[in-house]
Amino acid sequence: MNKLRVLLSLHIHPLLWLLLFLGVLTGSFVEITIIFILIFIHEMGHIGMALFFRWRIRKIMFWPFGGVMETDEYFNRPYKEEFLVVLAGPLQHVWIHGVLLLLFQIDVLPEYLIQYALSYNIKLFLFNLLPIYPLDGGKILLLLLSYKLPFKHVITYTILLSTVFIVVCFSFTYAMEWNTFHTLSLACFLLLENRLEWKRRQFFFLRHLMARYQHKGQPLSVIKKINATPSTSVYAIMQKFQKGPYYHINVPLDGGKSVIIDESQCLHAFFDLKKPYVKMGKLAEMVHT
């Protein structure tokens, strides 16, 4: 049933349909089809690994520049799973390269098609590993930043670093006189994507908090403690949450006593009680009365 749902969630962007149509008109349909097949196999790598870990896949969109898989697992899974799902896409290009070399040796396809597929396969592999969000390299960058930074700030730094890398890469191609319409289109597309992510970075953080709340029953490997004052708000505390650990918040009370509020109680106050700015002292009274 899950696999059927995945098939129904596959979508081809109108721009890709347009590109395929133009390929028919210009006589380059075979070359464009090769590109689409490479992108499709790449994305199937992500999907296969995500299904292996029982992720809930919402949508897969195929663009002229690649594919995007949307899931309900909003950076709330173990690092090992997330790294493997991200890397499963680029790793497909390794065996594809081997198959293409074999086809070249046994001479079953025209040489120019094999050379074209080999060239684009390498380009797609290297391009996707660039540390630019939302490419696979950008997602790896985000996961690495998540090790050290509160998740609230991770997407901000990821977008800023991605923008720097876009400018550096485009400047390099310009200096090397490698600029083409395709290169310019990719740079503009990635800049627009990062601008969009910048505008919705708060939503990005809220989705992560919601994912933490929905998966509060999952087994935990690391528990971290945060010391808070009674006047600190719930939202201010949640801005300190990092991906991975489960949090206990120590709140000192009058008389030298202290109360431990766990992460799920903060998330309950935020999402269910609609009290993001309730003070931790007040929340401690609500929980322990």
Protein backbone atom coordinates (compact mmCIF):
# COMPACT_ATOMS: atom_id res chain seq x y z
CA MET A 1 0.00 0.00 0.00
CA ASN A 2 2.87 2.33 0.85
CA LYS A 3 4.50 1.62 -2.54
CA LEU A 4 1.21 2.37 -4.34
CA ARG A 5 1.00 5.67 -2.45
CA VAL A 6 4.54 6.50 -3.57
CA LEU A 7 3.66 5.82 -7.22
CA LEU A 8 0.65 8.11 -6.93
CA SER A 9 2.86 10.83 -5.41
CA LEU A 10 5.16 10.97 -8.47
CA HIS A 11 4.77 14.23 -10.37
CA ILE A 12 6.50 15.72 -13.41
CA HIS A 13 6.80 19.50 -13.38
CA PRO A 14 5.25 21.28 -16.41
CA LEU A 15 8.68 22.70 -17.27
CA LEU A 16 10.02 19.17 -17.72
CA TRP A 17 7.10 18.27 -19.99
CA LEU A 18 7.88 21.42 -21.97
CA LEU A 19 11.56 20.44 -22.20
CA LEU A 20 10.64 16.96 -23.47
CA PHE A 21 8.30 18.51 -26.05
CA LEU A 22 11.01 20.91 -27.21
CA GLY A 23 13.34 17.91 -27.45
CA VAL A 24 10.96 16.33 -29.96
CA LEU A 25 10.81 19.54 -32.00
CA THR A 26 14.58 20.10 -32.00
CA GLY A 27 15.62 16.50 -32.58
CA SER A 28 17.28 16.11 -29.17
CA PHE A 29 14.59 13.96 -27.59
CA VAL A 30 16.96 11.00 -27.06
CA GLU A 31 19.50 13.16 -25.20
CA ILE A 32 16.82 14.72 -22.99
CA THR A 33 15.37 11.27 -22.30
CA ILE A 34 18.82 10.10 -21.14
CA ILE A 35 18.96 13.04 -18.73
CA PHE A 36 15.48 12.24 -17.41
CA ILE A 37 16.38 8.55 -16.90
CA LEU A 38 19.50 9.53 -14.92
CA ILE A 39 17.47 11.93 -12.76
CA PHE A 40 14.77 9.28 -12.27
CA ILE A 41 17.26 6.61 -11.13
CA HIS A 42 18.93 9.15 -8.81
CA GLU A 43 15.61 9.99 -7.18
CA MET A 44 14.61 6.33 -6.93
CA GLY A 45 17.75 5.84 -4.84
CA HIS A 46 16.44 8.36 -2.31
CA ILE A 47 12.95 6.86 -2.40
CA GLY A 48 14.14 3.27 -2.01
CA MET A 49 16.25 4.11 1.04
CA ALA A 50 13.43 6.19 2.55
CA LEU A 51 10.99 3.30 2.11
CA PHE A 52 13.55 0.93 3.66
CA PHE A 53 13.45 3.07 6.82
CA ARG A 54 9.63 3.36 6.58
CA TRP A 55 9.57 7.09 5.96
CA ARG A 56 6.25 8.65 4.99
CA ILE A 57 6.69 10.12 1.51
CA ARG A 58 4.29 12.88 0.55
CA LYS A 59 5.38 13.92 -2.93
CA ILE A 60 8.13 13.44 -5.52
CA MET A 61 8.48 16.21 -8.09
CA PHE A 62 10.72 15.85 -11.14
CA TRP A 63 12.17 19.14 -12.42
CA PRO A 64 14.38 19.76 -15.49
CA PHE A 65 17.25 20.20 -13.00
CA GLY A 66 16.56 17.16 -10.82
CA GLY A 67 14.03 15.74 -8.40
CA VAL A 68 12.69 16.75 -4.98
CA MET A 69 11.29 14.27 -2.46
CA GLU A 70 9.01 15.67 0.24
CA THR A 71 8.47 13.61 3.39
CA ASP A 72 6.76 13.94 6.76
CA GLU A 73 10.06 13.07 8.45
CA TYR A 74 11.17 16.66 8.94
CA PHE A 75 14.73 16.13 10.17
CA ASN A 76 13.46 14.16 13.14
CA ARG A 77 15.00 10.81 12.21
CA PRO A 78 18.38 9.47 13.42
CA TYR A 79 21.42 10.97 11.70
CA LYS A 80 22.37 7.59 10.24
CA GLU A 81 19.03 7.27 8.44
CA GLU A 82 19.08 10.82 7.12
CA PHE A 83 22.64 10.59 5.82
CA LEU A 84 21.89 7.27 4.10
CA VAL A 85 18.72 8.62 2.46
CA VAL A 86 20.62 11.67 1.16
CA LEU A 87 23.62 9.65 -0.07
CA ALA A 88 21.48 6.97 -1.73
CA GLY A 89 20.79 9.33 -4.64
CA PRO A 90 24.39 10.22 -5.63
CA LEU A 91 25.55 6.63 -5.09
CA GLN A 92 23.31 5.49 -7.97
CA HIS A 93 25.64 7.28 -10.36
CA VAL A 94 28.51 4.97 -9.35
CA TRP A 95 26.87 1.78 -10.65
CA ILE A 96 25.37 3.67 -13.60
CA HIS A 97 28.92 4.68 -14.59
CA GLY A 98 30.00 1.04 -14.44
CA VAL A 99 27.05 -0.11 -16.57
CA LEU A 100 27.74 2.59 -19.17
CA LEU A 101 31.39 1.56 -19.39
CA LEU A 102 30.28 -2.05 -19.90
CA LEU A 103 27.86 -1.00 -22.66
CA PHE A 104 30.69 0.94 -24.27
CA GLN A 105 32.91 -2.17 -24.24
CA ILE A 106 30.33 -4.52 -25.76
CA ASP A 107 29.30 -1.90 -28.35
CA VAL A 108 25.50 -2.31 -28.15
CA LEU A 109 24.63 1.41 -28.41
CA PRO A 110 25.97 4.26 -30.54
CA GLU A 111 29.23 5.57 -29.10
CA TYR A 112 28.05 9.19 -29.01
CA LEU A 113 25.06 8.25 -26.81
CA ILE A 114 27.27 6.36 -24.36
CA GLN A 115 29.71 9.28 -24.22
CA TYR A 116 26.83 11.71 -23.67
CA ALA A 117 25.37 9.56 -20.88
CA LEU A 118 28.80 9.14 -19.23
CA SER A 119 29.46 12.87 -19.35
CA TYR A 120 26.06 13.86 -17.96
CA ASN A 121 26.15 11.13 -15.31
CA ILE A 122 29.44 12.52 -13.94
CA LYS A 123 28.13 16.11 -14.09
CA LEU A 124 24.92 15.16 -12.28
CA PHE A 125 26.90 13.29 -9.61
CA LEU A 126 29.27 16.21 -8.94
CA PHE A 127 26.54 18.85 -9.22
CA ASN A 128 24.35 17.17 -6.61
CA LEU A 129 27.23 17.03 -4.13
CA LEU A 130 27.76 20.80 -4.20
CA PRO A 131 27.07 22.22 -0.70
CA ILE A 132 24.06 24.17 -1.94
CA TYR A 133 20.56 23.68 -0.57
CA PRO A 134 18.32 21.92 -1.68
CA LEU A 135 20.89 19.75 -3.49
CA ASP A 136 22.10 16.60 -1.73
CA GLY A 137 25.34 18.35 -0.79
CA GLY A 138 23.30 21.15 0.78
CA LYS A 139 21.30 18.64 2.82
CA ILE A 140 24.56 17.07 4.01
CA LEU A 141 25.73 20.57 4.99
CA LEU A 142 22.48 21.07 6.93
CA LEU A 143 22.90 17.77 8.78
CA LEU A 144 26.53 18.59 9.66
CA LEU A 145 25.50 22.00 11.01
CA SER A 146 22.77 20.28 13.03
CA TYR A 147 25.44 18.50 15.06
CA LYS A 148 26.55 21.77 16.66
CA LEU A 149 23.81 24.37 16.22
CA PRO A 150 20.27 24.72 17.56
CA PHE A 151 17.88 23.69 14.79
CA LYS A 152 16.32 27.17 14.77
CA HIS A 153 19.57 28.55 13.32
CA VAL A 154 20.55 25.62 11.10
CA ILE A 155 18.44 26.56 8.08
CA THR A 156 19.58 30.20 8.33
CA TYR A 157 23.26 29.27 8.17
CA THR A 158 22.57 26.65 5.49
CA ILE A 159 20.89 29.21 3.23
CA LEU A 160 23.61 31.82 3.79
CA LEU A 161 26.40 29.34 3.04
CA SER A 162 24.49 27.99 0.04
CA THR A 163 24.16 31.49 -1.39
CA VAL A 164 27.89 32.06 -0.96
CA PHE A 165 28.65 28.77 -2.74
CA ILE A 166 26.29 29.66 -5.61
CA VAL A 167 28.09 32.98 -6.14
CA VAL A 168 31.53 31.32 -5.88
CA CYS A 169 30.62 28.52 -8.32
CA PHE A 170 29.04 30.90 -10.83
CA SER A 171 32.04 33.26 -10.59
CA PHE A 172 34.35 30.30 -11.22
CA THR A 173 32.43 29.18 -14.31
CA TYR A 174 32.44 32.79 -15.54
CA ALA A 175 36.21 33.10 -15.03
CA MET A 176 36.77 29.79 -16.84
CA GLU A 177 34.43 30.92 -19.64
CA TRP A 178 32.16 27.93 -19.01
CA ASN A 179 29.04 30.07 -18.81
CA THR A 180 26.10 28.76 -20.79
CA PHE A 181 22.37 29.39 -20.69
CA HIS A 182 22.05 26.14 -18.72
CA THR A 183 24.59 27.32 -16.11
CA LEU A 184 22.83 30.66 -15.72
CA SER A 185 19.45 28.93 -15.44
CA LEU A 186 20.76 26.61 -12.70
CA ALA A 187 22.26 29.52 -10.74
CA CYS A 188 19.00 31.50 -10.96
CA PHE A 189 16.94 28.44 -10.00
CA LEU A 190 19.10 27.73 -6.93
CA LEU A 191 19.09 31.39 -5.86
CA LEU A 192 15.30 31.50 -6.13
CA GLU A 193 14.98 28.26 -4.15
CA ASN A 194 17.17 29.64 -1.37
CA ARG A 195 15.28 32.92 -1.36
CA LEU A 196 12.05 30.95 -0.96
CA GLU A 197 13.54 28.89 1.89
CA TRP A 198 14.73 32.11 3.55
CA LYS A 199 11.18 33.49 3.52
CA ARG A 200 9.77 30.33 5.09
CA ARG A 201 12.61 29.51 7.49
CA GLN A 202 10.27 30.07 10.45
CA PHE A 203 7.86 27.53 8.95
CA PHE A 204 10.84 25.18 8.49
CA PHE A 205 11.52 25.38 12.23
CA LEU A 206 7.86 24.93 13.18
CA ARG A 207 7.57 21.81 11.00
CA HIS A 208 10.58 20.36 12.79
CA LEU A 209 8.97 21.09 16.17
CA MET A 210 5.73 19.46 15.00
CA ALA A 211 7.67 16.39 13.83
CA ARG A 212 9.34 16.17 17.26
CA TYR A 213 5.94 16.36 18.95
CA GLN A 214 4.36 13.72 16.71
CA HIS A 215 7.26 11.32 17.30
CA LYS A 216 7.56 11.87 21.03
CA GLY A 217 7.02 8.16 21.66
CA GLN A 218 10.08 7.02 19.71
CA PRO A 219 13.05 5.56 21.64
CA LEU A 220 15.69 8.13 22.50
CA SER A 221 19.44 7.74 22.60
CA VAL A 222 20.52 11.06 24.12
CA ILE A 223 18.93 13.22 26.80
CA LYS A 224 20.23 16.74 27.32
CA LYS A 225 19.43 19.17 30.09
CA ILE A 226 18.74 22.89 29.75
CA ASN A 227 18.76 25.23 32.74
CA ALA A 228 16.03 27.87 32.51
CA THR A 229 14.85 30.73 34.67
CA PRO A 230 11.16 30.86 35.69
CA SER A 231 10.73 33.93 33.46
CA THR A 232 12.02 32.21 30.31
CA SER A 233 9.29 31.53 27.75
CA VAL A 234 8.55 28.10 26.28
CA TYR A 235 9.36 29.36 22.79
CA ALA A 236 12.74 30.73 23.91
CA ILE A 237 13.59 27.30 25.33
CA MET A 238 12.56 25.48 22.15
CA GLN A 239 14.84 27.72 20.11
CA LYS A 240 17.73 25.98 21.91
CA PHE A 241 16.67 22.49 20.81
CA GLN A 242 19.14 20.65 18.59
CA LYS A 243 18.25 17.86 16.21
CA GLY A 244 18.60 14.47 17.86
CA PRO A 245 18.61 14.88 21.65
CA TYR A 246 15.52 14.83 23.87
CA TYR A 247 15.47 17.68 26.35
CA HIS A 248 14.81 18.02 30.06
CA ILE A 249 14.47 21.59 31.27
CA ASN A 250 15.48 22.37 34.83
CA VAL A 251 13.37 25.21 36.28
CA PRO A 252 14.32 26.60 39.74
CA LEU A 253 11.40 27.50 42.01
CA ASP A 254 11.03 29.42 45.27
CA GLY A 255 12.49 27.77 48.33
CA GLY A 256 15.51 26.37 46.55
CA LYS A 257 13.55 23.62 44.83
CA SER A 258 13.61 22.88 41.12
CA VAL A 259 11.30 21.11 38.70
CA ILE A 260 12.16 19.13 35.57
CA ILE A 261 9.95 19.90 32.56
CA ASP A 262 10.47 17.57 29.64
CA GLU A 263 10.41 18.48 25.96
CA SER A 264 6.99 16.99 25.27
CA GLN A 265 5.39 19.24 27.90
CA CYS A 266 6.87 22.32 26.21
CA LEU A 267 5.61 21.13 22.83
CA HIS A 268 2.19 20.41 24.35
CA ALA A 269 2.01 23.98 25.65
CA PHE A 270 3.08 25.30 22.26
CA PHE A 271 0.84 23.27 19.94
CA ASP A 272 -2.13 22.13 22.05
CA LEU A 273 -2.51 24.91 24.60
CA LYS A 274 -1.47 27.61 22.08
CA LYS A 275 0.74 29.26 24.71
CA PRO A 276 4.16 29.72 23.09
CA TYR A 277 5.14 32.54 25.42
CA VAL A 278 4.00 31.05 28.71
CA LYS A 279 6.78 31.33 31.28
CA MET A 280 8.57 28.19 32.38
CA GLY A 281 7.72 28.95 36.01
CA LYS A 282 4.02 29.07 35.14
CA LEU A 283 4.31 25.88 33.07
CA ALA A 284 5.98 24.14 36.03
CA GLU A 285 3.00 25.09 38.21
CA MET A 286 0.55 23.83 35.55
CA VAL A 287 2.35 20.50 35.20
CA HIS A 288 2.92 19.79 38.90
CA THR A 289 -0.40 20.88 40.39
